[in-house]
């Protein structure tokens, strides 16, 4: 049976059209054919509709796990106790390089020779980021890939490609679980830290199953979806995976009843609660964890006053929406990403079985979308600080650390700038088309496309070093778009060597599961301990494979 599952399938097995053609052919060319057999063939039509979607799901998982046994080296047999996964949203390779230069220049160096923390990782690979229905992806489909191990459609989180965006009735039966869930089920502590809303695309793929990434609360959902039983993402945060140990980020307003005034911005309507069901999800969480050393905090002072030894569960919601850019952060009220990561690790590492921590630097992406390169690059530098702090708090011997991006952006820099040129400065030349200067950093599209008297704006007449300066773009758009190229994956720790070469993005969580002996990728661990590993096989699908082979 296992052999049948893993050999290439004849085209007619997965072709709905083939079964329908055979049914028609037998009806009209062989009227004496057994009626029951014709009915059986016809019934395969509906079965194959379901099977094709499931086969695609199996295909993504199988293609991701097949290289693991081949790549395993016996010298790396130790499994990880701890896994920290840093997702730098929108951090394509040009952003990595520019952030490296900025980091060096902030410390008085020319910049190019500086090392980011991720530059020190011994293993680097590339990940192909496309969604199942998009050449250039969005963050929801990519988050599902690198957290759940299967490629998905854009705009959907925690569901396979069989789910259709915004169609609630395609959710059930197409849910996929994440590396965070696999770690929790294995007895590890788990945490999520983000600079965006905790119910934003990337973090939500770790716990939610939603056909629409924008269903932050029930206020953002259509009535028909609510009536059909679909749940908003904020609600799923607390219901789908009980007892996520650490949750930190923004998104406070999605947890409270509609129009309830925010604790930090009282009377400001845009920051008030949004929930139409009247539920107070924060209070429900407090009630559930009050006897389990649970703590809810909403500002930096409260967070840093905690003694991690006395905290087993932490919910930190520091803004109604996303956290502010690091350059604009109020250092008295909002914690930095580095501070959140440090507290999270100190809480999670108390578990002798280890932990899994997902860290998202989500505002890199927002800075690029707004054409604000300075904001985006400073977010990347802060992420680098967080990676460095995490490295100090963990050990490379039992900690697998992965740093990657979900996608890239239409961001780049060039212009033959000399060594040490400020990364936000001008190129040392004028355009030979309009005789005007230009900044080294430019976007392929976005809000930075500006005309003055019908011509390109002369950047020497404005402050292009200002924090919110929008770099010039070639094509006018209200929001800059993602890029479609591969993104880098940096890895260190146990089994990090499995991340080399070029892979599909959904390969990443399978590596983590394989290296940690969690989830479905545990057969090699059982074999080492003297127990024969059993490959999970879906018997119904295997049976369908066997039956349909008769038609080929």
Foldseek 3Di string as FASTA:
>chain_A
DVVLLPDDFPPLLLDLVNLVVVLVCCVPVPVVPDPVVSVVSVVVNVVSVVVNQVVQQVVLQCQLQVCPVVLDDPVQQAFFLAEEEEAAAQCFPQLVQLLQQVVQVVVPHLRNPGDFPLNPFPFKAWAFQAAPPGLFADLQQLLLQQFQLHGDHHFWAQFHNQQAALPLVSQPPGGTATLQLQCVVVVAAEEEEEQWACLARNNLNNFHGHSGSPLQAVLRHDPVNVVVPDGGSVVRVPPRRDCRAYYAWAQQQRQADQPAADPVGGPDNVLHHRHPVGHRNVVVVCVVCVVPLEDEEAWDVVLVVDDLVSHRHYHYHHGNTGHDQPVPHDVGTHPALLSSLLSVCSNRVVRPSHYYYYYYLPCLQVCQQQLQNLSNSVSVNSSSSNVVSVPVSDDLANYKYKYKYSFHFQKHFDQPADRSDNQQAWRPAADPVPRAIFTRIEGQEHQQADDDPNHGDRCVVDPSVDRRRRHHHDYYDPTGDTDRDIHMMRITHRQRNVRHYYYHSSSNSVSSCLSNCTDQNNQVVCVVVVHHRDHDDDVVSVVSSVVSVVVD
